[in-house]
């Protein structure tokens, strides 16, 4: 999905900061001024004003926050699977085939075990999922090994296409 350049959200950003921040620090600094949605409806309208690169960064951050804090089980438990197509689109956009393949495997595992998630939701207890769905441990470990590479790819894209993200001053 491309954005109409006239409506794109492109906040002002300090050039020195842009040149000196790296990896996660740069990603967060670029994300903060565009992370303005108050709810899901607001988010839909907001992300229409994003460039493809901004969307890739924005949705990757959802994935990363969930998986780093509680693994893929937390990602699915908290309902972030609805974002998966947008996350995958962004990951494809930056050319990260390793993460894309991992997301496909993790989602297949989730689909196979969706009933177990639903069952645990009825009693609002996700802890048994961690003991029973060991394949997710494997996927979590794989994610921890490659997520820095994804951020590196995002940083490379941000540096090559700074105008897609910010207005440097």
N, C-alpha and C. Protein backbone atom coordinates (compact mmCIF):
# COMPACT_ATOMS: atom_id res chain seq x y z
N UNK A 1 0.84 -1.17 0.00
CA UNK A 1 0.00 0.00 0.00
C UNK A 1 0.89 1.24 0.00
N UNK A 2 0.72 2.08 -0.96
CA UNK A 2 1.47 3.32 -1.02
C UNK A 2 0.67 4.45 -0.40
N UNK A 3 1.36 5.47 0.02
CA UNK A 3 0.74 6.60 0.67
C UNK A 3 0.80 7.80 -0.25
N UNK A 4 -0.24 8.60 -0.24
CA UNK A 4 -0.25 9.87 -0.94
C UNK A 4 0.76 10.76 -0.22
N UNK A 5 1.81 11.18 -0.91
CA UNK A 5 2.88 11.95 -0.28
C UNK A 5 2.39 13.20 0.44
N UNK A 6 1.35 13.84 -0.08
CA UNK A 6 0.85 15.07 0.54
C UNK A 6 0.28 14.81 1.94
N UNK A 7 -0.29 13.64 2.16
CA UNK A 7 -0.89 13.35 3.46
C UNK A 7 0.02 12.55 4.38
N UNK A 8 1.19 12.16 3.91
CA UNK A 8 2.07 11.33 4.73
C UNK A 8 2.53 12.04 5.98
N UNK A 9 2.50 11.33 7.05
CA UNK A 9 3.00 11.82 8.33
C UNK A 9 4.52 11.73 8.29
N UNK A 10 5.19 12.87 8.33
CA UNK A 10 6.65 12.90 8.26
C UNK A 10 7.14 13.96 9.24
N UNK A 11 7.29 13.59 10.52
CA UNK A 11 7.67 14.58 11.54
C UNK A 11 9.09 15.11 11.34
N UNK A 12 9.30 16.31 11.88
CA UNK A 12 10.66 16.87 11.85
C UNK A 12 11.53 16.07 12.80
N UNK A 13 12.79 15.93 12.39
CA UNK A 13 13.72 15.11 13.18
C UNK A 13 15.09 15.75 13.09
N UNK A 14 15.79 15.81 14.19
CA UNK A 14 17.11 16.40 14.26
C UNK A 14 18.12 15.56 13.47
N UNK A 15 18.81 16.19 12.53
CA UNK A 15 19.75 15.47 11.66
C UNK A 15 20.90 14.85 12.46
N UNK A 16 21.41 15.55 13.44
CA UNK A 16 22.50 15.00 14.26
C UNK A 16 22.04 13.74 14.98
N UNK A 17 20.84 13.80 15.53
CA UNK A 17 20.29 12.63 16.21
C UNK A 17 20.11 11.48 15.21
N UNK A 18 19.60 11.81 14.03
CA UNK A 18 19.41 10.81 12.99
C UNK A 18 20.74 10.14 12.64
N UNK A 19 21.80 10.93 12.54
CA UNK A 19 23.11 10.41 12.16
C UNK A 19 23.80 9.61 13.26
N UNK A 20 23.44 9.86 14.52
CA UNK A 20 24.17 9.22 15.61
C UNK A 20 23.42 8.06 16.28
N UNK A 21 22.11 8.02 16.14
CA UNK A 21 21.36 6.91 16.72
C UNK A 21 21.44 5.69 15.80
N UNK A 22 21.41 4.52 16.40
CA UNK A 22 21.49 3.29 15.62
C UNK A 22 20.53 2.24 16.17
N UNK A 23 20.23 1.30 15.29
CA UNK A 23 19.45 0.11 15.59
C UNK A 23 18.17 0.43 16.34
N UNK A 24 18.01 -0.15 17.53
CA UNK A 24 16.76 0.00 18.27
C UNK A 24 16.53 1.43 18.71
N UNK A 25 17.60 2.14 19.05
CA UNK A 25 17.44 3.53 19.47
C UNK A 25 16.92 4.38 18.32
N UNK A 26 17.44 4.17 17.13
CA UNK A 26 16.96 4.91 15.96
C UNK A 26 15.52 4.52 15.66
N UNK A 27 15.24 3.24 15.67
CA UNK A 27 13.87 2.78 15.39
C UNK A 27 12.86 3.39 16.33
N UNK A 28 13.18 3.39 17.62
CA UNK A 28 12.25 3.95 18.60
C UNK A 28 12.11 5.46 18.42
N UNK A 29 13.21 6.15 18.17
CA UNK A 29 13.15 7.60 17.98
C UNK A 29 12.31 7.97 16.75
N UNK A 30 12.39 7.17 15.71
CA UNK A 30 11.59 7.41 14.49
C UNK A 30 10.12 7.04 14.74
N UNK A 31 9.89 5.99 15.52
CA UNK A 31 8.54 5.52 15.78
C UNK A 31 7.75 6.43 16.72
N UNK A 32 8.39 6.95 17.74
CA UNK A 32 7.69 7.73 18.76
C UNK A 32 6.80 8.84 18.20
N UNK A 33 7.30 9.70 17.32
CA UNK A 33 6.44 10.80 16.89
C UNK A 33 5.30 10.39 15.94
N UNK A 34 5.31 9.17 15.45
CA UNK A 34 4.20 8.73 14.59
C UNK A 34 3.28 7.74 15.31
N UNK A 35 3.64 7.35 16.50
CA UNK A 35 2.85 6.39 17.28
C UNK A 35 1.77 7.15 18.04
N UNK A 36 0.77 7.63 17.31
CA UNK A 36 -0.21 8.55 17.87
C UNK A 36 -1.60 7.98 18.05
N UNK A 37 -1.84 6.76 17.62
CA UNK A 37 -3.18 6.19 17.66
C UNK A 37 -3.65 5.98 19.09
N UNK A 38 -4.91 6.34 19.32
CA UNK A 38 -5.50 6.17 20.65
C UNK A 38 -6.29 4.87 20.76
N UNK A 39 -6.73 4.35 19.62
CA UNK A 39 -7.48 3.10 19.59
C UNK A 39 -7.34 2.48 18.20
N UNK A 40 -7.97 1.33 18.00
CA UNK A 40 -7.82 0.59 16.74
C UNK A 40 -8.37 1.38 15.54
N UNK A 41 -9.50 2.04 15.72
CA UNK A 41 -10.10 2.82 14.62
C UNK A 41 -9.17 3.98 14.26
N UNK A 42 -8.64 4.64 15.26
CA UNK A 42 -7.70 5.74 15.05
C UNK A 42 -6.44 5.22 14.35
N UNK A 43 -6.01 4.04 14.72
CA UNK A 43 -4.81 3.44 14.14
C UNK A 43 -4.99 3.19 12.64
N UNK A 44 -6.16 2.71 12.25
CA UNK A 44 -6.42 2.45 10.83
C UNK A 44 -6.26 3.73 10.02
N UNK A 45 -6.82 4.81 10.51
CA UNK A 45 -6.70 6.10 9.80
C UNK A 45 -5.27 6.61 9.83
N UNK A 46 -4.62 6.49 10.96
CA UNK A 46 -3.25 6.95 11.11
C UNK A 46 -2.31 6.24 10.14
N UNK A 47 -2.40 4.92 10.09
CA UNK A 47 -1.45 4.16 9.27
C UNK A 47 -1.68 4.36 7.78
N UNK A 48 -2.82 4.90 7.40
CA UNK A 48 -3.04 5.28 5.99
C UNK A 48 -2.10 6.42 5.59
N UNK A 49 -1.62 7.14 6.58
CA UNK A 49 -0.71 8.27 6.33
C UNK A 49 0.76 7.88 6.42
N UNK A 50 1.03 6.59 6.60
CA UNK A 50 2.41 6.10 6.70
C UNK A 50 2.94 5.69 5.34
N UNK A 51 4.24 5.84 5.17
CA UNK A 51 4.91 5.23 4.02
C UNK A 51 5.01 3.73 4.27
N UNK A 52 5.37 2.97 3.26
CA UNK A 52 5.57 1.53 3.45
C UNK A 52 6.62 1.24 4.51
N UNK A 53 7.69 2.02 4.51
CA UNK A 53 8.74 1.83 5.50
C UNK A 53 8.26 2.12 6.91
N UNK A 54 7.47 3.19 7.08
CA UNK A 54 6.93 3.51 8.39
C UNK A 54 6.01 2.38 8.88
N UNK A 55 5.20 1.86 7.98
CA UNK A 55 4.31 0.75 8.34
C UNK A 55 5.12 -0.48 8.76
N UNK A 56 6.20 -0.77 8.03
CA UNK A 56 7.04 -1.91 8.38
C UNK A 56 7.59 -1.75 9.80
N UNK A 57 8.11 -0.59 10.12
CA UNK A 57 8.64 -0.31 11.45
C UNK A 57 7.55 -0.39 12.51
N UNK A 58 6.44 0.25 12.24
CA UNK A 58 5.33 0.33 13.19
C UNK A 58 4.84 -1.06 13.59
N UNK A 59 4.55 -1.90 12.61
CA UNK A 59 3.99 -3.22 12.92
C UNK A 59 5.05 -4.19 13.42
N UNK A 60 6.29 -4.03 12.99
CA UNK A 60 7.35 -4.87 13.55
C UNK A 60 7.46 -4.64 15.05
N UNK A 61 7.28 -3.40 15.47
CA UNK A 61 7.41 -3.07 16.88
C UNK A 61 6.34 -3.81 17.70
N UNK A 62 5.13 -3.98 17.18
CA UNK A 62 4.10 -4.77 17.87
C UNK A 62 4.59 -6.20 18.08
N UNK A 63 5.08 -6.80 17.01
CA UNK A 63 5.58 -8.17 17.08
C UNK A 63 6.70 -8.26 18.10
N UNK A 64 7.67 -7.38 17.99
CA UNK A 64 8.84 -7.46 18.86
C UNK A 64 8.46 -7.29 20.33
N UNK A 65 7.62 -6.32 20.63
CA UNK A 65 7.24 -6.07 22.02
C UNK A 65 6.56 -7.30 22.63
N UNK A 66 5.71 -7.95 21.88
CA UNK A 66 5.01 -9.12 22.40
C UNK A 66 5.95 -10.32 22.55
N UNK A 67 6.70 -10.62 21.50
CA UNK A 67 7.52 -11.83 21.52
C UNK A 67 8.67 -11.72 22.52
N UNK A 68 9.29 -10.56 22.60
CA UNK A 68 10.39 -10.39 23.55
C UNK A 68 9.89 -10.47 25.00
N UNK A 69 8.67 -10.01 25.24
CA UNK A 69 8.15 -10.00 26.61
C UNK A 69 7.47 -11.29 27.04
N UNK A 70 7.00 -12.09 26.09
CA UNK A 70 6.31 -13.31 26.49
C UNK A 70 6.25 -14.37 25.41
N UNK A 71 7.02 -14.18 24.38
CA UNK A 71 7.08 -15.17 23.31
C UNK A 71 5.89 -15.09 22.37
N UNK A 72 5.90 -16.00 21.42
CA UNK A 72 4.80 -16.06 20.46
C UNK A 72 3.48 -16.39 21.14
N UNK A 73 3.54 -17.14 22.23
CA UNK A 73 2.30 -17.43 22.96
C UNK A 73 1.66 -16.13 23.41
N UNK A 74 2.43 -15.21 23.95
CA UNK A 74 1.89 -13.91 24.38
C UNK A 74 1.35 -13.14 23.17
N UNK A 75 2.07 -13.16 22.06
CA UNK A 75 1.64 -12.48 20.84
C UNK A 75 0.24 -12.94 20.45
N UNK A 76 0.03 -14.24 20.43
CA UNK A 76 -1.28 -14.78 20.04
C UNK A 76 -2.32 -14.60 21.15
N UNK A 77 -1.93 -14.81 22.39
CA UNK A 77 -2.86 -14.66 23.51
C UNK A 77 -3.44 -13.25 23.55
N UNK A 78 -2.61 -12.27 23.28
CA UNK A 78 -3.06 -10.87 23.34
C UNK A 78 -3.76 -10.40 22.07
N UNK A 79 -3.99 -11.30 21.14
CA UNK A 79 -4.79 -10.97 19.95
C UNK A 79 -4.05 -10.27 18.84
N UNK A 80 -2.74 -10.32 18.85
CA UNK A 80 -1.98 -9.62 17.81
C UNK A 80 -1.94 -10.37 16.49
N UNK A 81 -2.53 -11.58 16.43
CA UNK A 81 -2.55 -12.29 15.16
C UNK A 81 -3.31 -11.51 14.10
N UNK A 82 -4.20 -10.62 14.51
CA UNK A 82 -4.92 -9.80 13.52
C UNK A 82 -3.96 -8.87 12.77
N UNK A 83 -2.81 -8.58 13.36
CA UNK A 83 -1.80 -7.74 12.72
C UNK A 83 -0.83 -8.53 11.84
N UNK A 84 -0.90 -9.83 11.91
CA UNK A 84 0.09 -10.66 11.22
C UNK A 84 0.22 -10.35 9.73
N UNK A 85 -0.86 -10.20 8.98
CA UNK A 85 -0.69 -9.86 7.56
C UNK A 85 0.08 -8.54 7.35
N UNK A 86 -0.17 -7.56 8.19
CA UNK A 86 0.54 -6.27 8.06
C UNK A 86 2.00 -6.41 8.48
N UNK A 87 2.24 -7.21 9.51
CA UNK A 87 3.62 -7.46 9.94
C UNK A 87 4.38 -8.17 8.82
N UNK A 88 3.76 -9.20 8.25
CA UNK A 88 4.41 -9.95 7.18
C UNK A 88 4.65 -9.07 5.96
N UNK A 89 3.71 -8.21 5.64
CA UNK A 89 3.89 -7.28 4.51
C UNK A 89 5.12 -6.40 4.73
N UNK A 90 5.27 -5.88 5.94
CA UNK A 90 6.43 -5.04 6.26
C UNK A 90 7.73 -5.81 6.22
N UNK A 91 7.70 -7.03 6.73
CA UNK A 91 8.91 -7.87 6.74
C UNK A 91 9.33 -8.21 5.31
N UNK A 92 8.35 -8.50 4.46
CA UNK A 92 8.65 -8.74 3.03
C UNK A 92 9.25 -7.48 2.41
N UNK A 93 8.67 -6.33 2.76
CA UNK A 93 9.09 -5.06 2.19
C UNK A 93 10.56 -4.78 2.45
N UNK A 94 11.04 -5.12 3.65
CA UNK A 94 12.45 -4.86 3.96
C UNK A 94 13.35 -6.03 3.59
N UNK A 95 12.76 -7.12 3.10
CA UNK A 95 13.54 -8.24 2.59
C UNK A 95 14.08 -9.20 3.64
N UNK A 96 13.34 -9.39 4.73
CA UNK A 96 13.81 -10.28 5.79
C UNK A 96 13.14 -11.66 5.65
N UNK A 97 13.72 -12.51 4.81
CA UNK A 97 13.13 -13.82 4.56
C UNK A 97 13.22 -14.74 5.79
N UNK A 98 14.25 -14.58 6.61
CA UNK A 98 14.38 -15.43 7.80
C UNK A 98 13.21 -15.19 8.77
N UNK A 99 12.91 -13.94 9.04
CA UNK A 99 11.80 -13.65 9.94
C UNK A 99 10.47 -14.02 9.29
N UNK A 100 10.33 -13.78 8.04
CA UNK A 100 9.10 -14.13 7.35
C UNK A 100 8.84 -15.64 7.46
N UNK A 101 9.85 -16.44 7.23
CA UNK A 101 9.71 -17.90 7.35
C UNK A 101 9.36 -18.31 8.78
N UNK A 102 9.97 -17.66 9.76
CA UNK A 102 9.67 -17.96 11.15
C UNK A 102 8.21 -17.61 11.47
N UNK A 103 7.74 -16.48 10.98
CA UNK A 103 6.36 -16.08 11.24
C UNK A 103 5.37 -17.08 10.64
N UNK A 104 5.70 -17.59 9.48
CA UNK A 104 4.84 -18.59 8.84
C UNK A 104 4.78 -19.86 9.70
N UNK A 105 5.94 -20.31 10.18
CA UNK A 105 5.98 -21.52 11.01
C UNK A 105 5.22 -21.31 12.33
N UNK A 106 5.45 -20.17 12.97
CA UNK A 106 4.78 -19.89 14.25
C UNK A 106 3.28 -19.80 14.05
N UNK A 107 2.85 -19.20 12.96
CA UNK A 107 1.42 -19.09 12.72
C UNK A 107 0.78 -20.45 12.43
N UNK A 108 1.49 -21.29 11.71
CA UNK A 108 0.98 -22.65 11.47
C UNK A 108 0.81 -23.39 12.79
N UNK A 109 1.76 -23.21 13.68
CA UNK A 109 1.68 -23.85 15.00
C UNK A 109 0.50 -23.28 15.79
N UNK A 110 0.30 -21.98 15.71
CA UNK A 110 -0.84 -21.37 16.39
C UNK A 110 -2.16 -21.93 15.85
N UNK A 111 -2.28 -22.01 14.55
CA UNK A 111 -3.51 -22.52 13.93
C UNK A 111 -3.78 -23.95 14.39
N UNK A 112 -2.73 -24.77 14.45
CA UNK A 112 -2.88 -26.16 14.92
C UNK A 112 -3.37 -26.21 16.37
N UNK A 113 -3.03 -25.21 17.14
CA UNK A 113 -3.33 -25.21 18.58
C UNK A 113 -4.33 -24.14 19.01
N UNK A 114 -5.03 -23.59 18.05
CA UNK A 114 -5.97 -22.50 18.33
C UNK A 114 -7.01 -22.91 19.37
N UNK A 115 -7.47 -24.15 19.30
CA UNK A 115 -8.47 -24.61 20.27
C UNK A 115 -7.92 -24.60 21.70
N UNK A 116 -6.64 -24.90 21.85
CA UNK A 116 -6.03 -24.86 23.19
C UNK A 116 -6.01 -23.42 23.72
N UNK A 117 -5.72 -22.47 22.82
CA UNK A 117 -5.77 -21.06 23.24
C UNK A 117 -7.19 -20.68 23.66
N UNK A 118 -8.17 -21.08 22.86
CA UNK A 118 -9.57 -20.76 23.17
C UNK A 118 -9.98 -21.38 24.51
N UNK A 119 -9.58 -22.62 24.72
CA UNK A 119 -9.91 -23.32 25.97
C UNK A 119 -9.34 -22.56 27.17
N UNK A 120 -8.08 -22.14 27.06
CA UNK A 120 -7.45 -21.41 28.17
C UNK A 120 -8.06 -20.02 28.34
N UNK A 121 -8.53 -19.43 27.26
CA UNK A 121 -9.19 -18.12 27.35
C UNK A 121 -10.46 -18.21 28.20
N UNK A 122 -11.16 -19.34 28.10
CA UNK A 122 -12.41 -19.49 28.86
C UNK A 122 -12.15 -19.44 30.37
N UNK A 123 -10.96 -19.82 30.78
CA UNK A 123 -10.63 -19.75 32.21
C UNK A 123 -9.59 -18.66 32.50
N UNK A 124 -9.29 -17.88 31.46
CA UNK A 124 -8.36 -16.74 31.57
C UNK A 124 -7.03 -17.13 32.22
N UNK A 125 -6.44 -18.21 31.72
CA UNK A 125 -5.17 -18.69 32.25
C UNK A 125 -4.29 -19.19 31.09
N UNK A 126 -3.30 -18.43 30.81
CA UNK A 126 -2.44 -18.79 29.67
C UNK A 126 -1.23 -19.61 30.09
N UNK A 127 -0.96 -19.71 31.38
CA UNK A 127 0.26 -20.38 31.83
C UNK A 127 0.37 -21.83 31.35
N UNK A 128 -0.71 -22.62 31.29
CA UNK A 128 -0.55 -24.00 30.78
C UNK A 128 -0.08 -24.06 29.32
N UNK A 129 -0.34 -23.02 28.56
CA UNK A 129 0.10 -23.02 27.16
C UNK A 129 1.62 -23.11 27.08
N UNK A 130 2.31 -22.46 27.99
CA UNK A 130 3.77 -22.49 27.99
C UNK A 130 4.30 -23.90 28.29
N UNK A 131 3.61 -24.63 29.13
CA UNK A 131 4.04 -25.98 29.45
C UNK A 131 3.66 -27.00 28.39
N UNK A 132 2.58 -26.72 27.68
CA UNK A 132 2.05 -27.70 26.72
C UNK A 132 2.45 -27.47 25.27
N UNK A 133 2.81 -26.28 24.92
CA UNK A 133 3.11 -25.96 23.51
C UNK A 133 4.60 -25.64 23.35
N UNK A 134 5.40 -26.67 23.47
CA UNK A 134 6.86 -26.52 23.49
C UNK A 134 7.44 -26.04 22.15
N UNK A 135 6.74 -26.26 21.05
CA UNK A 135 7.24 -25.82 19.75
C UNK A 135 7.44 -24.29 19.74
N UNK A 136 6.60 -23.59 20.50
CA UNK A 136 6.74 -22.13 20.58
C UNK A 136 8.05 -21.72 21.23
N UNK A 137 8.57 -22.54 22.16
CA UNK A 137 9.88 -22.25 22.77
C UNK A 137 10.95 -22.19 21.70
N UNK A 138 10.88 -23.14 20.79
CA UNK A 138 11.83 -23.19 19.67
C UNK A 138 11.73 -21.92 18.81
N UNK A 139 10.50 -21.53 18.52
CA UNK A 139 10.29 -20.35 17.68
C UNK A 139 10.72 -19.08 18.42
N UNK A 140 10.48 -19.04 19.71
CA UNK A 140 10.92 -17.88 20.50
C UNK A 140 12.45 -17.76 20.46
N UNK A 141 13.13 -18.88 20.66
CA UNK A 141 14.60 -18.88 20.62
C UNK A 141 15.12 -18.42 19.27
N UNK A 142 14.48 -18.91 18.22
CA UNK A 142 14.88 -18.51 16.87
C UNK A 142 14.65 -17.00 16.68
N UNK A 143 13.54 -16.52 17.19
CA UNK A 143 13.23 -15.08 17.07
C UNK A 143 14.30 -14.24 17.77
N UNK A 144 14.67 -14.63 18.98
CA UNK A 144 15.68 -13.87 19.72
C UNK A 144 17.00 -13.80 18.97
N UNK A 145 17.31 -14.84 18.22
CA UNK A 145 18.55 -14.86 17.44
C UNK A 145 18.50 -13.94 16.23
N UNK A 146 17.31 -13.73 15.66
CA UNK A 146 17.25 -12.99 14.39
C UNK A 146 16.63 -11.60 14.48
N UNK A 147 15.99 -11.25 15.60
CA UNK A 147 15.29 -9.97 15.61
C UNK A 147 16.21 -8.76 15.49
N UNK A 148 17.45 -8.86 15.95
CA UNK A 148 18.40 -7.76 15.76
C UNK A 148 18.70 -7.57 14.27
N UNK A 149 18.74 -8.67 13.54
CA UNK A 149 18.98 -8.58 12.09
C UNK A 149 17.83 -7.83 11.41
N UNK A 150 16.60 -8.08 11.86
CA UNK A 150 15.45 -7.36 11.31
C UNK A 150 15.60 -5.87 11.58
N UNK A 151 16.02 -5.52 12.78
CA UNK A 151 16.20 -4.10 13.10
C UNK A 151 17.32 -3.51 12.26
N UNK A 152 18.37 -4.29 12.00
CA UNK A 152 19.45 -3.82 11.12
C UNK A 152 18.91 -3.53 9.71
N UNK A 153 18.07 -4.41 9.21
CA UNK A 153 17.48 -4.20 7.88
C UNK A 153 16.60 -2.95 7.87
N UNK A 154 15.84 -2.77 8.94
CA UNK A 154 15.02 -1.56 9.04
C UNK A 154 15.89 -0.31 9.09
N UNK A 155 16.95 -0.37 9.87
CA UNK A 155 17.85 0.80 9.94
C UNK A 155 18.44 1.11 8.57
N UNK A 156 18.88 0.09 7.87
CA UNK A 156 19.43 0.31 6.52
C UNK A 156 18.40 0.97 5.63
N UNK A 157 17.18 0.49 5.70
CA UNK A 157 16.12 1.07 4.87
C UNK A 157 15.85 2.52 5.30
N UNK A 158 15.78 2.76 6.59
CA UNK A 158 15.54 4.12 7.09
C UNK A 158 16.63 5.07 6.60
N UNK A 159 17.87 4.66 6.68
CA UNK A 159 18.98 5.54 6.26
C UNK A 159 18.96 5.80 4.75
N UNK A 160 18.60 4.80 3.97
CA UNK A 160 18.55 4.98 2.52
C UNK A 160 17.34 5.78 2.06
N UNK A 161 16.30 5.79 2.88
CA UNK A 161 15.04 6.44 2.50
C UNK A 161 14.54 7.35 3.63
N UNK A 162 15.40 8.18 4.16
CA UNK A 162 15.01 9.01 5.31
C UNK A 162 13.77 9.84 5.03
N UNK A 163 13.59 10.29 3.79
CA UNK A 163 12.42 11.11 3.47
C UNK A 163 11.10 10.34 3.58
N UNK A 164 11.17 9.02 3.60
CA UNK A 164 9.97 8.21 3.81
C UNK A 164 9.56 8.18 5.28
N UNK A 165 10.42 8.68 6.16
CA UNK A 165 10.18 8.59 7.60
C UNK A 165 10.06 9.94 8.28
N UNK A 166 10.98 10.83 7.96
CA UNK A 166 11.08 12.10 8.68
C UNK A 166 11.50 13.22 7.74
N UNK A 167 11.37 14.43 8.24
CA UNK A 167 11.93 15.60 7.61
C UNK A 167 13.12 16.02 8.47
N UNK A 168 14.32 15.88 7.94
CA UNK A 168 15.52 16.20 8.73
C UNK A 168 15.71 17.70 8.79
N UNK A 169 16.08 18.17 9.97
CA UNK A 169 16.34 19.60 10.15
C UNK A 169 17.68 19.80 10.81
